[in-house]
């Protein structure tokens, strides 16, 4: 659903082989994913996800985690340059945080939206330029998939089966076709893929 402004909606998420974005013990159960987060393929993927984006769209929990960590990487000379590039992008980008509990944003260049993801994305697509990146926030990605509003998926597939936990692709999503536009296999068997929605 590319708008007249040309803004695309892109989404990034790490998944296990059984399609989970965390394990059965809850959001902190990232054992099947975390060991692949600092590989060369993962860092190349991180470098890729923000190259055309100007807006970061996040759920509140991810915003709190990301914006508590990534700004510390910007000036860390020991950090990988790809990590520093992403950190600088996140700090400088327009950020929209979906939350029903935050009244004001505690971060610079950030606004809080207490509205459904579909409504917020419709508003963002109507103005501005550059891609809108939904970064690792499954609670935001899922309703956008259900509304067929995602134009590009950046997925990192980790070669483990979590055996439980929520899946990204729930039953009942509208049927859709996607074109593979990039893939990279890492040294641990992790695979970074980019899929564009065929409309």
Protein backbone atom coordinates (compact mmCIF):
# COMPACT_ATOMS: atom_id res chain seq x y z
CA UNK A 1 0.00 0.00 0.00
CA UNK A 2 2.55 2.58 -1.09
CA UNK A 3 1.10 6.06 -0.64
CA UNK A 4 1.26 9.03 -2.97
CA UNK A 5 4.26 10.23 -0.95
CA UNK A 6 6.06 7.04 -1.94
CA UNK A 7 6.69 6.05 1.68
CA UNK A 8 7.06 2.33 2.22
CA UNK A 9 6.43 0.49 5.46
CA UNK A 10 9.27 -1.88 6.30
CA UNK A 11 9.61 -4.24 9.24
CA UNK A 12 12.52 -6.02 10.87
CA UNK A 13 12.32 -9.05 13.17
CA UNK A 14 14.45 -12.01 14.24
CA UNK A 15 12.70 -15.39 14.09
CA UNK A 16 13.47 -18.99 14.99
CA UNK A 17 12.93 -21.80 12.51
CA UNK A 18 9.48 -22.38 14.00
CA UNK A 19 8.59 -18.73 13.44
CA UNK A 20 8.85 -17.51 17.06
CA UNK A 21 10.18 -14.09 18.03
CA UNK A 22 10.78 -15.20 21.63
CA UNK A 23 10.54 -18.44 23.54
CA UNK A 24 7.80 -19.91 25.77
CA UNK A 25 8.98 -18.15 28.96
CA UNK A 26 8.00 -14.70 27.67
CA UNK A 27 9.59 -11.65 26.02
CA UNK A 28 12.86 -12.12 27.91
CA UNK A 29 13.25 -15.68 26.60
CA UNK A 30 15.58 -14.86 23.71
CA UNK A 31 17.99 -17.79 24.06
CA UNK A 32 17.24 -19.15 20.59
CA UNK A 33 17.93 -15.74 19.01
CA UNK A 34 20.45 -13.77 21.06
CA UNK A 35 23.52 -15.83 20.13
CA UNK A 36 23.06 -14.80 16.49
CA UNK A 37 22.70 -11.07 17.15
CA UNK A 38 26.38 -10.14 16.84
CA UNK A 39 27.46 -12.20 13.84
CA UNK A 40 28.75 -10.63 10.64
CA UNK A 41 25.50 -11.48 8.86
CA UNK A 42 23.44 -9.94 11.67
CA UNK A 43 25.52 -6.75 11.67
CA UNK A 44 25.29 -6.48 7.88
CA UNK A 45 21.53 -6.94 8.26
CA UNK A 46 21.37 -4.22 10.92
CA UNK A 47 23.27 -1.92 8.56
CA UNK A 48 20.77 -2.67 5.79
CA UNK A 49 17.46 -2.20 7.61
CA UNK A 50 17.74 1.56 8.12
CA UNK A 51 19.43 2.62 4.85
CA UNK A 52 16.21 4.04 3.33
CA UNK A 53 14.25 4.74 6.52
CA UNK A 54 13.62 8.14 8.08
CA UNK A 55 11.06 7.13 10.73
CA UNK A 56 11.31 4.46 13.43
CA UNK A 57 7.98 3.07 14.63
CA UNK A 58 8.23 1.17 17.91
CA UNK A 59 6.07 -0.40 20.57
CA UNK A 60 6.66 0.93 24.08
CA UNK A 61 8.64 -2.06 25.41
CA UNK A 62 11.05 -2.03 22.49
CA UNK A 63 11.37 1.74 22.66
CA UNK A 64 12.38 1.54 26.32
CA UNK A 65 14.95 -1.15 25.59
CA UNK A 66 16.32 0.34 22.38
CA UNK A 67 16.47 3.94 23.56
CA UNK A 68 18.07 2.91 26.82
CA UNK A 69 20.85 1.06 24.99
CA UNK A 70 21.55 2.31 21.47
CA UNK A 71 22.35 5.97 22.26
CA UNK A 72 25.27 4.73 24.38
CA UNK A 73 26.79 3.11 21.28
CA UNK A 74 26.97 6.28 19.17
CA UNK A 75 30.24 7.52 20.71
CA UNK A 76 31.64 4.13 21.70
CA UNK A 77 34.81 3.86 19.63
CA UNK A 78 35.12 0.17 20.50
CA UNK A 79 31.73 -0.64 18.97
CA UNK A 80 31.41 -2.15 15.50
CA UNK A 81 30.96 0.65 12.91
CA UNK A 82 27.71 -0.95 11.73
CA UNK A 83 26.35 -0.85 15.28
CA UNK A 84 27.41 2.79 15.60
CA UNK A 85 25.77 3.60 12.26
CA UNK A 86 22.47 2.10 13.36
CA UNK A 87 22.72 3.80 16.77
CA UNK A 88 23.30 7.20 15.17
CA UNK A 89 20.39 6.64 12.78
CA UNK A 90 18.06 5.72 15.66
CA UNK A 91 19.07 8.75 17.72
CA UNK A 92 18.67 11.15 14.77
CA UNK A 93 15.53 9.63 13.18
CA UNK A 94 11.96 10.65 13.83
CA UNK A 95 10.61 8.14 16.35
CA UNK A 96 6.97 7.28 16.96
CA UNK A 97 6.20 5.10 19.97
CA UNK A 98 2.83 3.36 20.21
CA UNK A 99 1.71 3.38 23.83
CA UNK A 100 -1.44 3.72 25.89
CA UNK A 101 0.54 4.30 29.11
CA UNK A 102 3.14 6.95 28.23
CA UNK A 103 1.93 10.55 28.38
CA UNK A 104 5.10 12.16 27.06
CA UNK A 105 8.14 10.79 25.30
CA UNK A 106 11.27 10.69 27.44
CA UNK A 107 13.49 10.67 24.33
CA UNK A 108 14.49 13.37 21.86
CA UNK A 109 12.84 13.47 18.41
CA UNK A 110 10.08 11.18 19.66
CA UNK A 111 6.33 11.43 19.90
CA UNK A 112 3.91 9.08 21.59
CA UNK A 113 0.83 7.88 19.71
CA UNK A 114 -2.03 6.30 21.63
CA UNK A 115 -3.78 4.90 18.56
CA UNK A 116 -3.94 1.66 16.55
CA UNK A 117 -0.85 0.91 14.46
CA UNK A 118 -2.87 1.00 11.22
CA UNK A 119 -4.11 4.53 11.94
CA UNK A 120 -0.65 5.80 12.87
CA UNK A 121 0.93 4.31 9.74
CA UNK A 122 -1.82 5.74 7.53
CA UNK A 123 -1.04 9.18 8.97
CA UNK A 124 2.73 8.75 8.54
CA UNK A 125 2.35 7.61 4.93
CA UNK A 126 0.33 10.69 4.06
CA UNK A 127 3.24 13.08 4.66
CA UNK A 128 7.02 13.14 4.74
CA UNK A 129 9.47 10.99 2.87
CA UNK A 130 11.63 7.92 3.41
CA UNK A 131 10.64 4.51 4.66
CA UNK A 132 8.85 3.88 7.94
CA UNK A 133 10.75 1.12 9.78
CA UNK A 134 8.92 -0.97 12.34
CA UNK A 135 11.94 -2.27 14.19
CA UNK A 136 11.55 -5.55 16.09
CA UNK A 137 8.14 -4.65 17.53
CA UNK A 138 5.95 -7.67 16.81
CA UNK A 139 2.99 -5.97 18.51
CA UNK A 140 3.14 -3.33 15.77
CA UNK A 141 4.12 -5.59 12.87
CA UNK A 142 1.28 -8.08 13.37
CA UNK A 143 -1.66 -5.67 12.91
CA UNK A 144 0.10 -4.13 9.91
CA UNK A 145 0.50 -7.58 8.34
CA UNK A 146 -3.18 -8.24 9.02
CA UNK A 147 -4.03 -4.99 7.21
CA UNK A 148 -1.59 -5.78 4.34
CA UNK A 149 0.30 -2.54 4.99
CA UNK A 150 3.88 -3.87 5.05
CA UNK A 151 5.88 -3.38 1.87
CA UNK A 152 9.19 -4.95 2.91
CA UNK A 153 10.22 -7.57 5.49
CA UNK A 154 13.75 -7.77 6.87
CA UNK A 155 13.95 -11.14 8.62
CA UNK A 156 16.85 -12.83 10.40
CA UNK A 157 16.13 -16.56 10.62
CA UNK A 158 17.99 -18.25 13.48
CA UNK A 159 18.61 -22.01 13.05
CA UNK A 160 16.93 -23.09 16.29
CA UNK A 161 13.46 -24.30 17.22
CA UNK A 162 12.09 -22.49 20.26
CA UNK A 163 9.27 -25.00 20.76
CA UNK A 164 6.88 -22.39 22.12
CA UNK A 165 6.16 -18.70 22.29
CA UNK A 166 4.29 -16.40 19.93
CA UNK A 167 4.68 -16.61 16.16
CA UNK A 168 4.89 -13.68 13.78
CA UNK A 169 2.61 -15.17 11.13
CA UNK A 170 -0.69 -16.01 12.77
CA UNK A 171 -3.46 -17.95 11.08
CA UNK A 172 -5.98 -15.73 9.31
CA UNK A 173 -3.57 -13.28 7.67
CA UNK A 174 -4.58 -12.18 4.18
CA UNK A 175 -2.87 -14.17 1.45
CA UNK A 176 0.08 -12.33 -0.09
CA UNK A 177 3.07 -12.89 -2.37
CA UNK A 178 6.62 -11.73 -1.66
CA UNK A 179 9.77 -11.45 -3.76
CA UNK A 180 13.18 -12.30 -2.30
CA UNK A 181 15.42 -9.29 -2.95
CA UNK A 182 18.41 -10.14 -0.74
CA UNK A 183 19.76 -13.01 1.32
CA UNK A 184 22.93 -13.68 3.27
CA UNK A 185 23.87 -16.82 5.20
CA UNK A 186 26.02 -16.37 8.29
CA UNK A 187 28.71 -18.56 9.77
CA UNK A 188 26.35 -20.08 12.34
CA UNK A 189 23.69 -20.92 9.78
CA UNK A 190 21.62 -17.81 10.45
CA UNK A 191 20.04 -16.34 7.33
CA UNK A 192 19.24 -12.69 6.70
CA UNK A 193 16.53 -12.24 4.10
CA UNK A 194 14.74 -9.27 2.57
CA UNK A 195 11.30 -9.80 1.02
CA UNK A 196 9.36 -7.17 -0.91
CA UNK A 197 5.58 -7.37 -1.13
CA UNK A 198 4.38 -8.06 -4.68
CA UNK A 199 1.24 -6.03 -5.34
